C-alpha atoms as a PDB file:
ATOM      1  CA  UNK A   1      95.250 192.707 -48.089  1.00  0.00           C
ATOM      2  CA  UNK A   2      94.399 190.838 -51.276  1.00  0.00           C
ATOM      3  CA  UNK A   3      91.026 191.341 -52.889  1.00  0.00           C
ATOM      4  CA  UNK A   4      88.806 188.248 -52.580  1.00  0.00           C
ATOM      5  CA  UNK A   5      87.633 188.455 -56.190  1.00  0.00           C
ATOM      6  CA  UNK A   6      91.244 188.571 -57.327  1.00  0.00           C
ATOM      7  CA  UNK A   7      92.030 185.448 -55.291  1.00  0.00           C
ATOM      8  CA  UNK A   8      89.045 183.677 -56.836  1.00  0.00           C
ATOM      9  CA  UNK A   9      90.346 184.688 -60.265  1.00  0.00           C
ATOM     10  CA  UNK A  10      93.790 183.313 -59.371  1.00  0.00           C
ATOM     11  CA  UNK A  11      92.236 179.966 -58.481  1.00  0.00           C
ATOM     12  CA  UNK A  12      90.144 179.954 -61.659  1.00  0.00           C
ATOM     13  CA  UNK A  13      93.135 180.707 -63.918  1.00  0.00           C
ATOM     14  CA  UNK A  14      95.266 178.089 -62.176  1.00  0.00           C
ATOM     15  CA  UNK A  15      92.520 175.519 -62.675  1.00  0.00           C
ATOM     16  CA  UNK A  16      91.870 176.427 -66.325  1.00  0.00           C
ATOM     17  CA  UNK A  17      95.538 176.745 -67.248  1.00  0.00           C
ATOM     18  CA  UNK A  18      94.949 179.841 -69.364  1.00  0.00           C
ATOM     19  CA  UNK A  19      93.562 183.332 -69.156  1.00  0.00           C
ATOM     20  CA  UNK A  20      91.277 182.702 -72.125  1.00  0.00           C
ATOM     21  CA  UNK A  21      89.611 179.579 -70.658  1.00  0.00           C
ATOM     22  CA  UNK A  22      89.234 181.226 -67.256  1.00  0.00           C
ATOM     23  CA  UNK A  23      87.682 184.295 -68.874  1.00  0.00           C
ATOM     24  CA  UNK A  24      85.178 182.134 -70.762  1.00  0.00           C
ATOM     25  CA  UNK A  25      84.180 180.210 -67.628  1.00  0.00           C
ATOM     26  CA  UNK A  26      83.671 183.430 -65.659  1.00  0.00           C
ATOM     27  CA  UNK A  27      82.042 185.382 -68.519  1.00  0.00           C
ATOM     28  CA  UNK A  28      84.896 187.906 -68.524  1.00  0.00           C
ATOM     29  CA  UNK A  29      86.943 189.180 -71.418  1.00  0.00           C
ATOM     30  CA  UNK A  30      90.449 187.778 -71.776  1.00  0.00           C
ATOM     31  CA  UNK A  31      91.912 191.276 -71.497  1.00  0.00           C
ATOM     32  CA  UNK A  32      90.018 191.916 -68.231  1.00  0.00           C
ATOM     33  CA  UNK A  33      91.433 188.711 -66.724  1.00  0.00           C
ATOM     34  CA  UNK A  34      94.942 189.604 -67.854  1.00  0.00           C
ATOM     35  CA  UNK A  35      94.703 193.088 -66.337  1.00  0.00           C
ATOM     36  CA  UNK A  36      93.340 191.793 -63.020  1.00  0.00           C
ATOM     37  CA  UNK A  37      96.046 189.125 -62.725  1.00  0.00           C
ATOM     38  CA  UNK A  38      98.691 191.720 -63.558  1.00  0.00           C
ATOM     39  CA  UNK A  39      97.314 193.936 -60.770  1.00  0.00           C
ATOM     40  CA  UNK A  40      97.355 191.003 -58.355  1.00  0.00           C
ATOM     41  CA  UNK A  41     100.953 190.206 -59.282  1.00  0.00           C
ATOM     42  CA  UNK A  42     101.863 193.825 -58.567  1.00  0.00           C
ATOM     43  CA  UNK A  43     100.222 193.563 -55.149  1.00  0.00           C
ATOM     44  CA  UNK A  44     102.017 190.252 -54.523  1.00  0.00           C
ATOM     45  CA  UNK A  45     105.404 191.767 -55.363  1.00  0.00           C
ATOM     46  CA  UNK A  46     106.154 189.718 -58.495  1.00  0.00           C
ATOM     47  CA  UNK A  47     104.870 187.256 -61.100  1.00  0.00           C
ATOM     48  CA  UNK A  48     102.538 184.458 -60.021  1.00  0.00           C
ATOM     49  CA  UNK A  49     102.324 182.598 -63.344  1.00  0.00           C
ATOM     50  CA  UNK A  50     104.762 181.328 -65.911  1.00  0.00           C
ATOM     51  CA  UNK A  51     103.577 182.432 -69.354  1.00  0.00           C
ATOM     52  CA  UNK A  52     103.809 179.436 -71.706  1.00  0.00           C
ATOM     53  CA  UNK A  53     103.277 179.168 -75.482  1.00  0.00           C
ATOM     54  CA  UNK A  54      99.914 177.576 -74.753  1.00  0.00           C
ATOM     55  CA  UNK A  55      98.548 178.904 -71.491  1.00  0.00           C
ATOM     56  CA  UNK A  56      99.978 179.633 -68.034  1.00  0.00           C
ATOM     57  CA  UNK A  57     100.983 177.732 -64.915  1.00  0.00           C
ATOM     58  CA  UNK A  58     101.680 178.780 -61.360  1.00  0.00           C
ATOM     59  CA  UNK A  59     105.269 179.581 -60.391  1.00  0.00           C
ATOM     60  CA  UNK A  60     106.485 178.976 -56.783  1.00  0.00           C
ATOM     61  CA  UNK A  61     105.118 182.305 -55.583  1.00  0.00           C
ATOM     62  CA  UNK A  62     101.837 181.543 -57.332  1.00  0.00           C
ATOM     63  CA  UNK A  63     101.627 178.132 -55.660  1.00  0.00           C
ATOM     64  CA  UNK A  64     102.153 179.720 -52.245  1.00  0.00           C
ATOM     65  CA  UNK A  65      99.422 182.285 -52.774  1.00  0.00           C
ATOM     66  CA  UNK A  66      97.169 179.664 -54.406  1.00  0.00           C
ATOM     67  CA  UNK A  67      97.196 177.509 -51.250  1.00  0.00           C
ATOM     68  CA  UNK A  68      96.166 180.452 -49.105  1.00  0.00           C
ATOM     69  CA  UNK A  69      93.567 181.561 -51.652  1.00  0.00           C
ATOM     70  CA  UNK A  70      91.906 178.135 -51.667  1.00  0.00           C
ATOM     71  CA  UNK A  71      91.836 178.119 -47.862  1.00  0.00           C
ATOM     72  CA  UNK A  72      90.382 181.628 -47.666  1.00  0.00           C
ATOM     73  CA  UNK A  73      87.723 180.934 -50.298  1.00  0.00           C
ATOM     74  CA  UNK A  74      86.758 177.695 -48.578  1.00  0.00           C
ATOM     75  CA  UNK A  75      86.459 179.413 -45.205  1.00  0.00           C
ATOM     76  CA  UNK A  76      84.328 182.182 -46.675  1.00  0.00           C
ATOM     77  CA  UNK A  77      82.060 179.632 -48.349  1.00  0.00           C
ATOM     78  CA  UNK A  78      81.598 177.809 -45.045  1.00  0.00           C
ATOM     79  CA  UNK A  79      80.936 181.114 -43.280  1.00  0.00           C
ATOM     80  CA  UNK A  80      78.304 181.980 -45.888  1.00  0.00           C
ATOM     81  CA  UNK A  81      76.629 178.599 -45.402  1.00  0.00           C
ATOM     82  CA  UNK A  82      76.721 178.928 -41.608  1.00  0.00           C
ATOM     83  CA  UNK A  83      75.236 182.427 -41.699  1.00  0.00           C
ATOM     84  CA  UNK A  84      72.520 181.347 -44.109  1.00  0.00           C
ATOM     85  CA  UNK A  85      71.650 178.440 -41.813  1.00  0.00           C
ATOM     86  CA  UNK A  86      71.719 180.751 -38.802  1.00  0.00           C
ATOM     87  CA  UNK A  87      69.284 183.175 -40.417  1.00  0.00           C
ATOM     88  CA  UNK A  88      67.010 180.269 -41.285  1.00  0.00           C
ATOM     89  CA  UNK A  89      67.142 179.175 -37.652  1.00  0.00           C
ATOM     90  CA  UNK A  90      69.170 176.018 -38.275  1.00  0.00           C
ATOM     91  CA  UNK A  91      72.564 175.625 -36.645  1.00  0.00           C
ATOM     92  CA  UNK A  92      74.924 178.283 -35.396  1.00  0.00           C
ATOM     93  CA  UNK A  93      74.985 180.123 -32.081  1.00  0.00           C
ATOM     94  CA  UNK A  94      72.228 182.004 -30.279  1.00  0.00           C
ATOM     95  CA  UNK A  95      73.309 184.465 -27.587  1.00  0.00           C
ATOM     96  CA  UNK A  96      70.563 184.836 -24.972  1.00  0.00           C
ATOM     97  CA  UNK A  97      70.515 187.209 -22.010  1.00  0.00           C
ATOM     98  CA  UNK A  98      68.252 187.323 -18.956  1.00  0.00           C
ATOM     99  CA  UNK A  99      68.128 189.069 -15.595  1.00  0.00           C
ATOM    100  CA  UNK A 100      68.755 186.853 -12.520  1.00  0.00           C
ATOM    101  CA  UNK A 101      65.240 185.959 -11.367  1.00  0.00           C
ATOM    102  CA  UNK A 102      64.141 185.112 -14.909  1.00  0.00           C
ATOM    103  CA  UNK A 103      66.929 182.517 -14.856  1.00  0.00           C
ATOM    104  CA  UNK A 104      65.453 180.711 -11.854  1.00  0.00           C
ATOM    105  CA  UNK A 105      62.676 178.918 -13.748  1.00  0.00           C
ATOM    106  CA  UNK A 106      61.174 180.786 -16.708  1.00  0.00           C
ATOM    107  CA  UNK A 107      64.176 181.015 -19.038  1.00  0.00           C
ATOM    108  CA  UNK A 108      65.603 177.541 -18.233  1.00  0.00           C
ATOM    109  CA  UNK A 109      62.215 175.959 -19.034  1.00  0.00           C
ATOM    110  CA  UNK A 110      62.057 177.743 -22.385  1.00  0.00           C
ATOM    111  CA  UNK A 111      65.681 176.853 -23.192  1.00  0.00           C
ATOM    112  CA  UNK A 112      65.029 173.199 -22.427  1.00  0.00           C
ATOM    113  CA  UNK A 113      62.161 173.227 -24.912  1.00  0.00           C
ATOM    114  CA  UNK A 114      64.324 175.116 -27.414  1.00  0.00           C
ATOM    115  CA  UNK A 115      67.077 172.503 -27.146  1.00  0.00           C
ATOM    116  CA  UNK A 116      64.529 169.819 -28.024  1.00  0.00           C
ATOM    117  CA  UNK A 117      63.131 171.839 -30.924  1.00  0.00           C
ATOM    118  CA  UNK A 118      66.477 173.107 -32.273  1.00  0.00           C
ATOM    119  CA  UNK A 119      69.226 170.696 -31.186  1.00  0.00           C
ATOM    120  CA  UNK A 120      71.540 172.045 -33.898  1.00  0.00           C
ATOM    121  CA  UNK A 121      71.602 175.555 -32.372  1.00  0.00           C
ATOM    122  CA  UNK A 122      74.049 176.167 -29.523  1.00  0.00           C
ATOM    123  CA  UNK A 123      72.831 178.528 -26.796  1.00  0.00           C
ATOM    124  CA  UNK A 124      75.261 180.961 -25.182  1.00  0.00           C
ATOM    125  CA  UNK A 125      73.535 182.196 -22.006  1.00  0.00           C
ATOM    126  CA  UNK A 126      74.404 185.516 -20.363  1.00  0.00           C
ATOM    127  CA  UNK A 127      73.039 186.891 -17.084  1.00  0.00           C
ATOM    128  CA  UNK A 128      72.921 190.586 -16.276  1.00  0.00           C
ATOM    129  CA  UNK A 129      70.813 193.566 -15.349  1.00  0.00           C
ATOM    130  CA  UNK A 130      68.138 194.648 -17.792  1.00  0.00           C
ATOM    131  CA  UNK A 131      69.907 197.872 -18.752  1.00  0.00           C
ATOM    132  CA  UNK A 132      73.156 196.045 -19.467  1.00  0.00           C
ATOM    133  CA  UNK A 133      71.353 193.389 -21.518  1.00  0.00           C
ATOM    134  CA  UNK A 134      69.589 196.047 -23.592  1.00  0.00           C
ATOM    135  CA  UNK A 135      72.912 197.758 -24.301  1.00  0.00           C
ATOM    136  CA  UNK A 136      74.470 194.443 -25.351  1.00  0.00           C
ATOM    137  CA  UNK A 137      71.572 193.831 -27.723  1.00  0.00           C
ATOM    138  CA  UNK A 138      72.149 197.260 -29.256  1.00  0.00           C
ATOM    139  CA  UNK A 139      75.841 196.418 -29.684  1.00  0.00           C
ATOM    140  CA  UNK A 140      75.034 193.113 -31.426  1.00  0.00           C
ATOM    141  CA  UNK A 141      76.466 190.970 -28.620  1.00  0.00           C
ATOM    142  CA  UNK A 142      73.089 189.344 -27.860  1.00  0.00           C
ATOM    143  CA  UNK A 143      70.369 187.930 -30.108  1.00  0.00           C
ATOM    144  CA  UNK A 144      67.545 187.983 -27.527  1.00  0.00           C
ATOM    145  CA  UNK A 145      67.118 189.127 -23.944  1.00  0.00           C
ATOM    146  CA  UNK A 146      64.467 188.811 -21.256  1.00  0.00           C
ATOM    147  CA  UNK A 147      64.334 192.165 -19.466  1.00  0.00           C
ATOM    148  CA  UNK A 148      62.208 193.807 -16.771  1.00  0.00           C
ATOM    149  CA  UNK A 149      60.974 197.259 -15.763  1.00  0.00           C
ATOM    150  CA  UNK A 150      61.854 196.547 -12.094  1.00  0.00           C
ATOM    151  CA  UNK A 151      62.925 198.455 -10.079  1.00  0.00           C
ATOM    152  CA  UNK A 152      63.177 201.712 -12.069  1.00  0.00           C
ATOM    153  CA  UNK A 153      61.478 201.268 -15.427  1.00  0.00           C
ATOM    154  CA  UNK A 154      62.253 199.732 -18.796  1.00  0.00           C
ATOM    155  CA  UNK A 155      65.445 200.599 -20.656  1.00  0.00           C
ATOM    156  CA  UNK A 156      65.403 201.527 -24.355  1.00  0.00           C
ATOM    157  CA  UNK A 157      68.119 201.614 -27.018  1.00  0.00           C
ATOM    158  CA  UNK A 158      68.305 202.317 -30.734  1.00  0.00           C
ATOM    159  CA  UNK A 159      67.992 199.178 -32.798  1.00  0.00           C
ATOM    160  CA  UNK A 160      66.239 197.218 -30.030  1.00  0.00           C
ATOM    161  CA  UNK A 161      62.540 196.365 -29.923  1.00  0.00           C
ATOM    162  CA  UNK A 162      60.704 195.198 -26.792  1.00  0.00           C
ATOM    163  CA  UNK A 163      57.412 193.318 -26.567  1.00  0.00           C
ATOM    164  CA  UNK A 164      55.524 192.383 -23.385  1.00  0.00           C
ATOM    165  CA  UNK A 165      56.037 188.835 -22.132  1.00  0.00           C
ATOM    166  CA  UNK A 166      54.119 188.727 -18.853  1.00  0.00           C
ATOM    167  CA  UNK A 167      53.456 190.446 -15.553  1.00  0.00           C
ATOM    168  CA  UNK A 168      54.949 189.207 -12.305  1.00  0.00           C
ATOM    169  CA  UNK A 169      53.477 190.010  -8.890  1.00  0.00           C
ATOM    170  CA  UNK A 170      55.821 191.491  -6.291  1.00  0.00           C
ATOM    171  CA  UNK A 171      55.578 189.849  -2.868  1.00  0.00           C
ATOM    172  CA  UNK A 172      57.186 190.750   0.426  1.00  0.00           C
ATOM    173  CA  UNK A 173      59.698 188.396   2.028  1.00  0.00           C
ATOM    174  CA  UNK A 174      59.450 188.113   5.813  1.00  0.00           C
ATOM    175  CA  UNK A 175      61.173 185.907   8.392  1.00  0.00           C
ATOM    176  CA  UNK A 176      58.824 183.169   9.643  1.00  0.00           C
ATOM    177  CA  UNK A 177      58.737 184.656  13.130  1.00  0.00           C
ATOM    178  CA  UNK A 178      57.575 188.043  11.811  1.00  0.00           C
ATOM    179  CA  UNK A 179      54.327 189.304  13.358  1.00  0.00           C
ATOM    180  CA  UNK A 180      52.674 189.454   9.886  1.00  0.00           C
ATOM    181  CA  UNK A 181      54.030 186.163   8.537  1.00  0.00           C
ATOM    182  CA  UNK A 182      50.641 184.462   8.799  1.00  0.00           C
ATOM    183  CA  UNK A 183      48.617 187.219   7.124  1.00  0.00           C
ATOM    184  CA  UNK A 184      46.845 186.370   3.870  1.00  0.00           C
ATOM    185  CA  UNK A 185      47.472 189.877   2.516  1.00  0.00           C
ATOM    186  CA  UNK A 186      49.422 192.781   3.982  1.00  0.00           C
ATOM    187  CA  UNK A 187      48.808 196.494   3.578  1.00  0.00           C
ATOM    188  CA  UNK A 188      52.154 198.123   2.883  1.00  0.00           C
ATOM    189  CA  UNK A 189      51.450 200.721   5.599  1.00  0.00           C
ATOM    190  CA  UNK A 190      51.754 197.935   8.189  1.00  0.00           C
ATOM    191  CA  UNK A 191      55.434 197.658   7.187  1.00  0.00           C
ATOM    192  CA  UNK A 192      56.146 201.388   7.593  1.00  0.00           C
ATOM    193  CA  UNK A 193      58.625 200.831  10.443  1.00  0.00           C
ATOM    194  CA  UNK A 194      60.591 198.089   8.712  1.00  0.00           C
ATOM    195  CA  UNK A 195      64.054 198.333   7.223  1.00  0.00           C
ATOM    196  CA  UNK A 196      63.807 197.677   3.473  1.00  0.00           C
ATOM    197  CA  UNK A 197      66.428 195.805   1.510  1.00  0.00           C
ATOM    198  CA  UNK A 198      66.598 197.350  -1.948  1.00  0.00           C
ATOM    199  CA  UNK A 199      69.128 197.505  -4.770  1.00  0.00           C
ATOM    200  CA  UNK A 200      68.399 201.055  -5.926  1.00  0.00           C
ATOM    201  CA  UNK A 201      66.620 203.811  -4.007  1.00  0.00           C
ATOM    202  CA  UNK A 202      66.694 207.587  -4.080  1.00  0.00           C
ATOM    203  CA  UNK A 203      68.768 208.127  -7.228  1.00  0.00           C
ATOM    204  CA  UNK A 204      65.664 207.758  -9.401  1.00  0.00           C
ATOM    205  CA  UNK A 205      62.035 206.663  -8.865  1.00  0.00           C
ATOM    206  CA  UNK A 206      61.516 203.014  -7.949  1.00  0.00           C
ATOM    207  CA  UNK A 207      58.424 200.847  -7.583  1.00  0.00           C
ATOM    208  CA  UNK A 208      59.043 200.558  -3.836  1.00  0.00           C
ATOM    209  CA  UNK A 209      59.293 204.331  -3.379  1.00  0.00           C
ATOM    210  CA  UNK A 210      56.120 204.909  -5.391  1.00  0.00           C
ATOM    211  CA  UNK A 211      54.229 202.192  -3.495  1.00  0.00           C
ATOM    212  CA  UNK A 212      55.297 203.566  -0.115  1.00  0.00           C
ATOM    213  CA  UNK A 213      54.203 207.045  -1.188  1.00  0.00           C
ATOM    214  CA  UNK A 214      50.794 205.688  -2.198  1.00  0.00           C
ATOM    215  CA  UNK A 215      50.538 204.032   1.219  1.00  0.00           C
ATOM    216  CA  UNK A 216      51.290 207.337   2.939  1.00  0.00           C
ATOM    217  CA  UNK A 217      54.816 206.892   4.311  1.00  0.00           C
ATOM    218  CA  UNK A 218      58.492 206.833   3.445  1.00  0.00           C
ATOM    219  CA  UNK A 219      60.646 203.861   4.478  1.00  0.00           C
ATOM    220  CA  UNK A 220      62.325 204.355   7.839  1.00  0.00           C
ATOM    221  CA  UNK A 221      65.578 202.899   6.566  1.00  0.00           C
ATOM    222  CA  UNK A 222      66.932 201.493   3.285  1.00  0.00           C
ATOM    223  CA  UNK A 223      69.794 199.005   3.204  1.00  0.00           C
ATOM    224  CA  UNK A 224      71.114 198.790  -0.329  1.00  0.00           C
ATOM    225  CA  UNK A 225      71.748 195.148  -1.229  1.00  0.00           C
ATOM    226  CA  UNK A 226      72.161 194.296  -4.911  1.00  0.00           C
ATOM    227  CA  UNK A 227      71.931 190.508  -5.151  1.00  0.00           C
ATOM    228  CA  UNK A 228      68.927 188.384  -4.256  1.00  0.00           C
ATOM    229  CA  UNK A 229      70.969 185.966  -2.180  1.00  0.00           C
ATOM    230  CA  UNK A 230      72.117 188.851   0.004  1.00  0.00           C
ATOM    231  CA  UNK A 231      68.609 190.268   0.379  1.00  0.00           C
ATOM    232  CA  UNK A 232      67.179 186.906   1.404  1.00  0.00           C
ATOM    233  CA  UNK A 233      70.033 186.341   3.827  1.00  0.00           C
ATOM    234  CA  UNK A 234      69.353 189.674   5.521  1.00  0.00           C
ATOM    235  CA  UNK A 235      65.628 188.893   5.747  1.00  0.00           C
ATOM    236  CA  UNK A 236      66.367 185.473   7.270  1.00  0.00           C
ATOM    237  CA  UNK A 237      68.552 187.178   9.874  1.00  0.00           C
ATOM    238  CA  UNK A 238      65.721 189.547  10.791  1.00  0.00           C
ATOM    239  CA  UNK A 239      67.563 192.592   9.455  1.00  0.00           C
ATOM    240  CA  UNK A 240      64.844 193.806   7.116  1.00  0.00           C
ATOM    241  CA  UNK A 241      62.159 192.911   4.574  1.00  0.00           C
ATOM    242  CA  UNK A 242      62.322 192.901   0.780  1.00  0.00           C
ATOM    243  CA  UNK A 243      60.122 192.855  -2.284  1.00  0.00           C
ATOM    244  CA  UNK A 244      60.533 189.554  -4.123  1.00  0.00           C
ATOM    245  CA  UNK A 245      59.061 188.772  -7.568  1.00  0.00           C
ATOM    246  CA  UNK A 246      56.927 185.655  -7.665  1.00  0.00           C
ATOM    247  CA  UNK A 247      59.225 184.123 -10.305  1.00  0.00           C
ATOM    248  CA  UNK A 248      61.916 183.966  -7.623  1.00  0.00           C
ATOM    249  CA  UNK A 249      59.756 181.924  -5.219  1.00  0.00           C
ATOM    250  CA  UNK A 250      61.509 178.648  -5.907  1.00  0.00           C
ATOM    251  CA  UNK A 251      64.800 180.157  -4.744  1.00  0.00           C
ATOM    252  CA  UNK A 252      63.454 181.496  -1.439  1.00  0.00           C
ATOM    253  CA  UNK A 253      64.776 179.520   1.567  1.00  0.00           C
ATOM    254  CA  UNK A 254      62.391 177.644   3.865  1.00  0.00           C
ATOM    255  CA  UNK A 255      62.914 179.981   6.823  1.00  0.00           C
ATOM    256  CA  UNK A 256      61.224 182.837   4.925  1.00  0.00           C
ATOM    257  CA  UNK A 257      57.586 183.534   4.090  1.00  0.00           C
ATOM    258  CA  UNK A 258      56.394 185.303   0.950  1.00  0.00           C
ATOM    259  CA  UNK A 259      53.267 187.347   1.592  1.00  0.00           C
ATOM    260  CA  UNK A 260      51.004 189.090  -0.874  1.00  0.00           C
ATOM    261  CA  UNK A 261      50.398 192.837  -0.670  1.00  0.00           C
ATOM    262  CA  UNK A 262      47.116 194.705  -1.086  1.00  0.00           C
ATOM    263  CA  UNK A 263      48.525 197.245  -3.580  1.00  0.00           C
ATOM    264  CA  UNK A 264      47.537 195.923  -7.048  1.00  0.00           C
ATOM    265  CA  UNK A 265      50.176 198.101  -8.730  1.00  0.00           C
ATOM    266  CA  UNK A 266      53.027 196.155  -7.149  1.00  0.00           C
ATOM    267  CA  UNK A 267      53.725 194.142 -10.271  1.00  0.00           C
ATOM    268  CA  UNK A 268      56.633 194.222 -12.651  1.00  0.00           C
ATOM    269  CA  UNK A 269      56.483 193.684 -16.401  1.00  0.00           C
ATOM    270  CA  UNK A 270      58.738 191.254 -18.220  1.00  0.00           C
ATOM    271  CA  UNK A 271      59.599 191.911 -21.841  1.00  0.00           C
ATOM    272  CA  UNK A 272      61.377 190.153 -24.678  1.00  0.00           C
ATOM    273  CA  UNK A 273      63.985 192.384 -26.297  1.00  0.00           C
ATOM    274  CA  UNK A 274      65.183 191.684 -29.840  1.00  0.00           C
ATOM    275  CA  UNK A 275      67.202 193.469 -32.504  1.00  0.00           C
ATOM    276  CA  UNK A 276      65.171 195.094 -35.265  1.00  0.00           C
ATOM    277  CA  UNK A 277      66.068 192.212 -37.591  1.00  0.00           C
ATOM    278  CA  UNK A 278      66.044 189.134 -35.344  1.00  0.00           C
ATOM    279  CA  UNK A 279      67.402 185.710 -36.183  1.00  0.00           C
ATOM    280  CA  UNK A 280      64.873 182.994 -36.958  1.00  0.00           C
ATOM    281  CA  UNK A 281      66.162 180.973 -33.992  1.00  0.00           C
ATOM    282  CA  UNK A 282      65.559 183.974 -31.725  1.00  0.00           C
ATOM    283  CA  UNK A 283      61.954 184.117 -32.896  1.00  0.00           C
ATOM    284  CA  UNK A 284      61.563 180.427 -32.093  1.00  0.00           C
ATOM    285  CA  UNK A 285      62.828 181.047 -28.557  1.00  0.00           C
ATOM    286  CA  UNK A 286      60.546 184.066 -28.248  1.00  0.00           C
ATOM    287  CA  UNK A 287      57.541 181.877 -28.996  1.00  0.00           C
ATOM    288  CA  UNK A 288      58.698 179.263 -26.483  1.00  0.00           C
ATOM    289  CA  UNK A 289      59.093 181.931 -23.800  1.00  0.00           C
ATOM    290  CA  UNK A 290      55.510 183.015 -24.390  1.00  0.00           C
ATOM    291  CA  UNK A 291      54.379 179.412 -23.987  1.00  0.00           C
ATOM    292  CA  UNK A 292      56.152 179.214 -20.606  1.00  0.00           C
ATOM    293  CA  UNK A 293      54.824 182.422 -19.026  1.00  0.00           C
ATOM    294  CA  UNK A 294      52.057 180.690 -17.075  1.00  0.00           C
ATOM    295  CA  UNK A 295      53.779 177.719 -15.440  1.00  0.00           C
ATOM    296  CA  UNK A 296      52.249 175.988 -12.417  1.00  0.00           C
ATOM    297  CA  UNK A 297      54.745 177.763 -10.229  1.00  0.00           C
ATOM    298  CA  UNK A 298      52.260 178.788  -7.577  1.00  0.00           C
ATOM    299  CA  UNK A 299      51.278 175.366  -6.304  1.00  0.00           C
ATOM    300  CA  UNK A 300      53.997 173.771  -4.202  1.00  0.00           C
ATOM    301  CA  UNK A 301      56.033 176.891  -3.584  1.00  0.00           C
ATOM    302  CA  UNK A 302      53.025 179.031  -2.768  1.00  0.00           C
ATOM    303  CA  UNK A 303      51.546 176.582  -0.249  1.00  0.00           C
ATOM    304  CA  UNK A 304      54.915 176.184   1.409  1.00  0.00           C
ATOM    305  CA  UNK A 305      55.449 179.928   1.829  1.00  0.00           C
ATOM    306  CA  UNK A 306      51.924 181.280   2.003  1.00  0.00           C
ATOM    307  CA  UNK A 307      52.031 183.152  -1.293  1.00  0.00           C
ATOM    308  CA  UNK A 308      49.269 181.200  -3.024  1.00  0.00           C
ATOM    309  CA  UNK A 309      48.340 181.999  -6.596  1.00  0.00           C
ATOM    310  CA  UNK A 310      50.539 185.102  -6.594  1.00  0.00           C
ATOM    311  CA  UNK A 311      53.376 182.978  -7.870  1.00  0.00           C
ATOM    312  CA  UNK A 312      51.893 182.716 -11.330  1.00  0.00           C
ATOM    313  CA  UNK A 313      53.416 184.863 -14.067  1.00  0.00           C
ATOM    314  CA  UNK A 314      50.375 186.048 -15.951  1.00  0.00           C
ATOM    315  CA  UNK A 315      50.906 186.097 -19.717  1.00  0.00           C
ATOM    316  CA  UNK A 316      49.499 189.075 -21.579  1.00  0.00           C
END
C-alpha cells in the first residue's frame, strides 16, 4: 500500500516539474522531497520520474501511478467533505433503528418531519428488538435507535447513551365476544384463568409476570408468540389474551377490543439510544421524536376499540 502523503507529493512534483518547486510550494526542503520520492520509487519497483537538466517529468510508470494517485486523492477529498457535512447534519446517511410497535406510528411521523427538515439526508431504517438495536449502536451500525424496556427491562452497552422518550400504557387485547370486552377497566385478577400470549416468559422477569404476581396469581398457561401479528391472530381466534402497547392500537384489527387495566404499573418506557458522540442529524431526529410523543392517537382508535385516552404516549 502506498502512503497517501507520498502520493500527494508525487502529484505535486509532477505538477511543478521539479523537486525544488514542489518543495517550495509544500514548505519542505528539496532534500526531503528527493528522499521521499526515492522511497516511493523503491516501493513502486522502479523510477517514476525522468531526471532532466532542468527539472523532472513522469515516465510511463510515473504516469500510471499518477492517474491512480489523482483518483485516490480526489476520492479522499470527497469523503472528507461528505463526513464533514454529515457531522454538521447536512447530507449523508442516517441509520435509524426502532422496535416494531414504534414503527407503527411514532417513528414514521418523526421521519416524515425529518425528511421535510433535512431533505439532503438519506434515512436507512432498520427494525429489530431493543437488545439487538442497542448492540448495533455499540458496533457503529446505527446512528440512533428507539428502544423499550418491554418486556424484560432496558438493555445497556458500552458507548451507548439512553434518554427517556415517553411512557406507553399497556392494554389487554380481547376478542369482541369476550365476557369483559365491554368493561371500562379490568382488574388483572379477572383474567387469571386466561391463556396469555407472550414473547418471553420464565427465562427472566417480565412485566406480565410481575403484574400477575402483584394481582395474586400466576398465569394458567403461556403460549409463546414472538410477533404482534401472531399474537393478535391468536386473540381474534379466541385462543388467548395479550398485553398490547397503546402505540400499537392503530394496527389492531376491528374484531378485537383493547381494554385498560387497573394496575398503574403496566406501562413501558420508550427511550432514545445514541452513541456517545452522536451525529448532528441524529440529534435533529431526536428532537423531532420528542415532538411526536404525544400524538392524538387515542381519539379514533380508542373510541373504536374502547381504550380511550390510554392510547396516548405521554412524553416525559
